Amino acid sequence: MSVEATSWALQQQAITDPAARAVLFGLANHANHEGRHAFPSVDLLCRYTGLGRRTVIAKLKRLQDEGLIRKGNQKVAAAIIDRADRRPVVYDLALGVGIESIDIGDEQSPDVPESRDAENAPRENEPGAADAPREGDGVQMTTPRGARAAPETSLTNPYSHSGAGKSIFEQAARRTDDGGTVPTGGARQFPMTLDWQPDPEQLAAACQRAGLPADTQPKAHQLAKFTAHHADQGRRYGAMAWTAKLVDWIRNDQRQQAQQQTQPTGGSHANRQQRTPRRRLTAAEARERDRALARGEQPGDVLDGDCTPG
């Protein structure tokens, strides 16, 4: 939750509809200190406000029409929620819109009684009050508002309090294809180029960590495909990080080649036995076969005396 976002949601006067203000306050409860990246689900907003789904959806549309909220970066929710059909819409709040100077009455201008009778006598004149630390007539002119530099947490971004201070996308970029952490070594980060070559010592160390022989070297086509693939993306890593990604690329390429070698080369028809084509019977042979079947004989049976040598 952000103090700035919730305070703005309470004080804004651009929209006065109670239901819409309740939905806006629910969004502010999930925004960061800049009013961005709030994506509570509609069901959660229903729990916050006690409204129905159709009402919450209608109020969200009204808040967008009034310019108080707008759709933000949807990739923030995609980085946390894998299933696309369960990702809520990410909204950004227009902090500062609808703020007006408001006279909040007694809190800023307390009513001080003008009469000075016994009931309204100054506190320092009462018995036993001389030692009490009081100001004026004992009226506190301002109300304390808590710590001036209170920590601002965010329920939306679980990575906002990490020591590294990295965003969700920066942390995801530091992961290998297998989910491991890409070593950076504090080196200078640079984008991939087509003429990049890995450092031999870093390559040997990365291969050992990945379970490959230390003397593994990328083939020419593997290195060419790797550099061409990452050069188009424009991401920046250190030399050790690029080397670790190259080793992952080599290992995956070796796995694919091993799978292709285990499959039969002839496809699904390779194991079929070749069948000898059968000769079609002539009309005379077909009649002879029918007469043999009528006599209870099987076609092709050889009876005594029927065999002719030669």
Protein backbone atom coordinates (compact mmCIF):
# COMPACT_ATOMS: atom_id res chain seq x y z
CA MET A 1 0.00 0.00 0.00
CA SER A 2 1.22 3.51 -0.81
CA VAL A 3 0.53 6.47 1.49
CA GLU A 4 0.52 8.88 -1.47
CA ALA A 5 -1.99 6.83 -3.48
CA THR A 6 -4.43 6.21 -0.63
CA SER A 7 -4.22 9.81 0.56
CA TRP A 8 -4.98 11.04 -2.95
CA ALA A 9 -7.90 8.63 -3.32
CA LEU A 10 -9.40 9.96 -0.07
CA GLN A 11 -8.96 13.64 -0.91
CA GLN A 12 -9.71 13.77 -4.64
CA GLN A 13 -12.93 15.55 -5.59
CA ALA A 14 -13.10 14.73 -9.31
CA ILE A 15 -15.71 12.06 -8.66
CA THR A 16 -18.15 11.98 -5.75
CA ASP A 17 -20.05 8.78 -6.45
CA PRO A 18 -19.59 6.68 -3.27
CA ALA A 19 -19.31 3.36 -5.13
CA ALA A 20 -16.73 4.70 -7.59
CA ARG A 21 -14.71 6.25 -4.75
CA ALA A 22 -14.71 2.90 -2.93
CA VAL A 23 -13.39 1.14 -6.05
CA LEU A 24 -10.75 3.86 -6.48
CA PHE A 25 -9.60 3.43 -2.89
CA GLY A 26 -9.33 -0.33 -3.47
CA LEU A 27 -7.06 0.31 -6.46
CA ALA A 28 -4.95 2.78 -4.47
CA ASN A 29 -4.46 0.09 -1.83
CA HIS A 30 -2.45 -1.90 -4.42
CA ALA A 31 -0.57 0.92 -6.20
CA ASN A 32 3.04 1.89 -5.58
CA HIS A 33 4.21 5.31 -4.39
CA GLU A 34 3.86 6.66 -7.93
CA GLY A 35 0.29 5.40 -8.23
CA ARG A 36 1.24 2.73 -10.78
CA HIS A 37 1.02 -1.06 -11.21
CA ALA A 38 -2.22 -1.71 -9.34
CA PHE A 39 -3.92 -4.91 -10.46
CA PRO A 40 -6.35 -6.26 -7.84
CA SER A 41 -8.88 -8.67 -9.29
CA VAL A 42 -12.53 -7.78 -9.69
CA ASP A 43 -13.43 -10.35 -7.02
CA LEU A 44 -11.03 -8.69 -4.58
CA LEU A 45 -12.53 -5.27 -5.30
CA CYS A 46 -15.95 -6.79 -4.64
CA ARG A 47 -14.69 -7.91 -1.21
CA TYR A 48 -13.28 -4.44 -0.50
CA THR A 49 -16.40 -2.52 -1.49
CA GLY A 50 -19.27 -4.95 -0.97
CA LEU A 51 -20.43 -4.29 -4.53
CA GLY A 52 -21.37 -6.79 -7.24
CA ARG A 53 -19.12 -7.69 -10.17
CA ARG A 54 -21.17 -5.77 -12.72
CA THR A 55 -21.16 -2.69 -10.51
CA VAL A 56 -17.40 -2.86 -9.94
CA ILE A 57 -16.74 -3.23 -13.69
CA ALA A 58 -19.04 -0.29 -14.43
CA LYS A 59 -17.30 1.88 -11.83
CA LEU A 60 -13.88 0.99 -13.25
CA LYS A 61 -15.07 2.16 -16.67
CA ARG A 62 -16.40 5.37 -15.17
CA LEU A 63 -13.10 6.05 -13.41
CA GLN A 64 -11.32 5.63 -16.75
CA ASP A 65 -13.78 7.97 -18.47
CA GLU A 66 -13.19 10.58 -15.76
CA GLY A 67 -9.41 10.33 -16.26
CA LEU A 68 -8.66 9.15 -12.72
CA ILE A 69 -7.23 5.80 -13.81
CA ARG A 70 -5.80 4.40 -17.03
CA LYS A 71 -4.52 1.04 -18.17
CA GLY A 72 -0.86 0.58 -17.29
CA ASN A 73 1.88 -1.85 -18.24
CA GLN A 74 0.19 -5.26 -18.49
CA LYS A 75 3.57 -7.03 -18.47
CA VAL A 76 3.79 -6.39 -14.71
CA ALA A 77 0.94 -8.83 -14.06
CA ALA A 78 2.28 -11.24 -16.69
CA ALA A 79 5.61 -11.43 -14.84
CA ILE A 80 3.83 -12.65 -11.68
CA ILE A 81 0.79 -14.58 -12.98
CA ASP A 82 1.55 -17.27 -15.58
CA ARG A 83 -1.98 -17.98 -16.81
CA ALA A 84 -3.20 -15.26 -19.14
CA ASP A 85 -6.87 -15.98 -18.40
CA ARG A 86 -6.34 -15.19 -14.70
CA ARG A 87 -4.39 -11.94 -15.03
CA PRO A 88 -6.25 -8.83 -13.80
CA VAL A 89 -5.98 -5.56 -15.69
CA VAL A 90 -3.08 -3.36 -14.53
CA TYR A 91 -4.13 0.23 -13.79
CA ASP A 92 -2.18 3.43 -13.14
CA LEU A 93 -3.68 6.16 -10.96
CA ALA A 94 -3.57 9.82 -12.03
CA LEU A 95 -2.20 11.18 -8.76
CA GLY A 96 -2.86 14.88 -8.32
CA VAL A 97 -6.04 15.00 -10.41
CA GLY A 98 -9.07 16.38 -8.60
CA ILE A 99 -7.18 17.73 -5.57
CA GLU A 100 -8.68 20.93 -4.20
CA SER A 101 -7.98 22.97 -1.10
CA ILE A 102 -10.57 21.86 1.43
CA ASP A 103 -11.52 23.56 4.66
CA ILE A 104 -11.82 20.68 7.08
CA GLY A 105 -13.29 22.77 9.89
CA ASP A 106 -12.35 22.13 13.49
CA GLU A 107 -9.14 20.34 12.67
CA GLN A 108 -7.54 23.47 11.17
CA SER A 109 -9.62 26.21 12.87
CA PRO A 110 -10.63 25.00 16.32
CA ASP A 111 -13.46 26.81 18.02
CA VAL A 112 -11.97 28.67 21.01
CA PRO A 113 -14.57 29.93 23.43
CA GLU A 114 -14.57 33.68 23.74
CA SER A 115 -15.96 33.78 27.25
CA ARG A 116 -13.56 33.48 30.15
CA ASP A 117 -15.86 32.25 32.88
CA ALA A 118 -15.04 29.52 35.36
CA GLU A 119 -15.92 26.68 32.99
CA ASN A 120 -13.66 28.03 30.28
CA ALA A 121 -10.80 29.24 32.43
CA PRO A 122 -7.27 28.76 31.10
CA ARG A 123 -5.68 25.51 32.16
CA GLU A 124 -2.65 27.16 33.73
CA ASN A 125 -4.96 28.89 36.20
CA GLU A 126 -6.52 25.66 37.46
CA PRO A 127 -5.27 24.14 40.70
CA GLY A 128 -2.46 21.71 40.20
CA ALA A 129 -2.05 22.59 36.57
CA ALA A 130 0.96 24.84 36.97
CA ASP A 131 3.40 21.97 36.46
CA ALA A 132 1.61 20.46 33.46
CA PRO A 133 3.15 21.25 30.05
CA ARG A 134 0.34 23.13 28.31
CA GLU A 135 0.15 25.72 25.59
CA GLY A 136 -2.21 28.69 25.66
CA ASP A 137 -5.63 27.52 26.76
CA GLY A 138 -4.71 23.84 26.56
CA VAL A 139 -5.96 23.49 22.97
CA GLN A 140 -3.74 21.56 20.61
CA MET A 141 -3.80 23.52 17.37
CA THR A 142 -2.52 20.73 15.11
CA THR A 143 -3.12 17.02 14.94
CA PRO A 144 -0.08 14.71 14.61
CA ARG A 145 -0.09 12.79 11.36
CA GLY A 146 2.40 10.04 12.13
CA ALA A 147 5.95 9.68 10.89
CA ARG A 148 6.93 12.22 8.26
CA ALA A 149 9.07 9.63 6.47
CA ALA A 150 7.06 6.44 7.02
CA PRO A 151 8.12 3.42 4.97
CA GLU A 152 5.86 2.95 1.98
CA THR A 153 5.17 -0.65 1.18
CA SER A 154 3.51 -2.01 -1.92
CA LEU A 155 1.29 -5.08 -1.94
CA THR A 156 1.45 -5.21 -5.72
CA ASN A 157 5.17 -5.68 -6.29
CA PRO A 158 6.67 -8.38 -4.01
CA TYR A 159 10.17 -7.50 -5.20
CA SER A 160 10.04 -3.83 -4.21
CA HIS A 161 11.83 -4.44 -0.88
CA SER A 162 14.71 -6.57 -2.12
CA GLY A 163 18.18 -5.38 -1.34
CA ALA A 164 19.11 -5.19 -4.98
CA GLY A 165 16.25 -2.81 -5.75
CA LYS A 166 15.60 -4.51 -9.12
CA SER A 167 12.27 -4.62 -10.86
CA ILE A 168 10.46 -7.84 -11.75
CA PHE A 169 11.72 -7.74 -15.32
CA GLU A 170 15.33 -7.09 -14.32
CA GLN A 171 15.25 -10.02 -11.91
CA ALA A 172 13.68 -12.28 -14.52
CA ALA A 173 16.39 -11.30 -17.00
CA ARG A 174 19.03 -12.49 -14.55
CA ARG A 175 17.71 -16.06 -14.68
CA THR A 176 19.01 -18.79 -16.97
CA ASP A 177 16.76 -21.05 -19.06
CA ASP A 178 16.79 -23.64 -16.24
CA GLY A 179 15.83 -21.10 -13.57
CA GLY A 180 19.29 -20.58 -12.12
CA THR A 181 20.90 -17.24 -11.37
CA VAL A 182 23.08 -15.79 -14.11
CA PRO A 183 26.47 -14.75 -12.65
CA THR A 184 27.34 -11.16 -13.43
CA GLY A 185 30.53 -10.70 -11.50
CA GLY A 186 29.92 -6.96 -11.36
CA ALA A 187 31.22 -6.61 -14.91
CA ARG A 188 30.14 -3.94 -17.33
CA GLN A 189 26.96 -4.84 -19.14
CA PHE A 190 26.75 -4.61 -22.93
CA PRO A 191 24.36 -5.70 -25.69
CA MET A 192 25.11 -8.77 -27.79
CA THR A 193 26.92 -8.27 -31.09
CA LEU A 194 27.37 -10.63 -34.04
CA ASP A 195 31.18 -10.73 -33.63
CA TRP A 196 31.15 -11.55 -29.91
CA GLN A 197 33.49 -14.31 -28.70
CA PRO A 198 33.37 -15.86 -25.19
CA ASP A 199 36.35 -15.66 -22.87
CA PRO A 200 38.03 -19.13 -22.72
CA GLU A 201 38.39 -19.15 -18.91
CA GLN A 202 34.83 -17.99 -18.32
CA LEU A 203 33.58 -20.55 -20.86
CA ALA A 204 35.39 -23.40 -19.11
CA ALA A 205 34.03 -22.36 -15.70
CA ALA A 206 30.47 -22.03 -17.05
CA CYS A 207 30.68 -25.47 -18.70
CA GLN A 208 31.77 -27.07 -15.42
CA ARG A 209 28.86 -25.45 -13.58
CA ALA A 210 26.44 -26.74 -16.24
CA GLY A 211 27.81 -30.30 -16.09
CA LEU A 212 29.59 -30.16 -19.44
CA PRO A 213 33.26 -30.94 -20.10
CA ALA A 214 35.53 -27.97 -19.39
CA ASP A 215 36.98 -28.14 -22.90
CA THR A 216 33.57 -27.78 -24.57
CA GLN A 217 33.70 -25.29 -27.41
CA PRO A 218 30.71 -23.85 -29.30
CA LYS A 219 30.45 -24.89 -32.91
CA ALA A 220 30.41 -22.22 -35.55
CA HIS A 221 26.70 -22.59 -36.30
CA GLN A 222 25.81 -22.63 -32.59
CA LEU A 223 27.68 -19.40 -31.89
CA ALA A 224 26.24 -17.75 -35.02
CA LYS A 225 22.65 -18.63 -34.08
CA PHE A 226 23.22 -17.53 -30.48
CA THR A 227 24.60 -14.10 -31.35
CA ALA A 228 22.00 -13.49 -34.05
CA HIS A 229 19.16 -14.44 -31.69
CA HIS A 230 20.24 -12.17 -28.84
CA ALA A 231 21.51 -9.29 -30.95
CA ASP A 232 17.94 -8.53 -32.06
CA GLN A 233 16.60 -8.39 -28.48
CA GLY A 234 18.82 -5.52 -27.29
CA ARG A 235 19.28 -6.89 -23.75
CA ARG A 236 22.41 -6.03 -21.79
CA TYR A 237 24.43 -8.47 -19.66
CA GLY A 238 27.95 -8.83 -18.40
CA ALA A 239 30.50 -11.08 -20.06
CA MET A 240 29.96 -13.91 -17.54
CA ALA A 241 26.19 -13.72 -17.98
CA TRP A 242 26.46 -13.93 -21.77
CA THR A 243 28.84 -16.90 -21.42
CA ALA A 244 26.41 -18.71 -19.11
CA LYS A 245 23.58 -18.19 -21.59
CA LEU A 246 25.80 -19.51 -24.39
CA VAL A 247 26.48 -22.69 -22.40
CA ASP A 248 22.73 -23.16 -21.90
CA TRP A 249 22.29 -22.72 -25.66
CA ILE A 250 24.97 -25.39 -26.38
CA ARG A 251 23.47 -27.84 -23.88
CA ASN A 252 19.96 -27.46 -25.31
CA ASP A 253 21.32 -27.91 -28.84
CA GLN A 254 23.05 -31.13 -27.80
CA ARG A 255 19.83 -32.44 -26.26
CA GLN A 256 17.89 -31.77 -29.45
CA GLN A 257 20.52 -33.53 -31.55
CA ALA A 258 20.45 -36.56 -29.21
CA GLN A 259 16.67 -36.79 -29.50
CA GLN A 260 16.81 -36.63 -33.27
CA GLN A 261 19.38 -39.45 -33.40
CA THR A 262 17.21 -41.78 -31.29
CA GLN A 263 14.23 -41.44 -33.66
CA PRO A 264 14.00 -43.86 -36.64
CA THR A 265 15.21 -42.28 -39.85
CA GLY A 266 12.52 -43.84 -42.02
CA GLY A 267 9.65 -42.36 -40.11
CA SER A 268 6.51 -44.27 -39.26
CA HIS A 269 6.74 -46.38 -42.45
CA ALA A 270 10.29 -47.63 -41.84
CA ASN A 271 9.33 -50.70 -39.76
CA ARG A 272 6.59 -51.91 -42.05
CA GLN A 273 7.37 -55.14 -43.82
CA GLN A 274 7.23 -54.98 -47.54
CA ARG A 275 4.38 -57.08 -48.82
CA THR A 276 4.57 -59.05 -52.03
CA PRO A 277 1.83 -57.87 -54.38
CA ARG A 278 -0.81 -60.60 -54.94
CA ARG A 279 -1.66 -61.68 -58.47
CA ARG A 280 -5.27 -61.27 -59.44
CA LEU A 281 -7.10 -64.53 -60.34
CA THR A 282 -8.37 -65.12 -63.82
CA ALA A 283 -12.00 -66.00 -64.43
CA ALA A 284 -11.17 -69.72 -64.88
CA GLU A 285 -9.14 -69.79 -61.68
CA ALA A 286 -11.92 -68.10 -59.79
CA ARG A 287 -14.48 -70.71 -60.99
CA GLU A 288 -12.12 -73.54 -60.00
CA ARG A 289 -11.72 -71.96 -56.57
CA ASP A 290 -15.51 -71.80 -56.13
CA ARG A 291 -15.93 -75.46 -57.14
CA ALA A 292 -13.22 -76.47 -54.67
CA LEU A 293 -14.95 -74.61 -51.88
CA ALA A 294 -18.26 -76.31 -52.80
CA ARG A 295 -16.57 -79.72 -52.46
CA GLY A 296 -15.27 -78.76 -49.02
CA GLU A 297 -11.74 -78.28 -50.17
CA GLN A 298 -9.49 -75.35 -49.51
CA PRO A 299 -7.96 -73.57 -52.48
CA GLY A 300 -4.41 -74.68 -52.90
CA ASP A 301 -4.85 -78.14 -51.26
CA VAL A 302 -3.00 -80.91 -53.13
CA LEU A 303 -4.85 -84.23 -53.25
CA ASP A 304 -3.33 -87.61 -53.87
CA GLY A 305 -2.57 -88.08 -57.52
CA ASP A 306 -3.03 -84.44 -58.40
CA CYS A 307 0.62 -83.51 -58.13
CA THR A 308 2.30 -83.28 -61.48
CA PRO A 309 6.11 -83.44 -61.42
CA GLY A 310 8.07 -80.81 -63.05
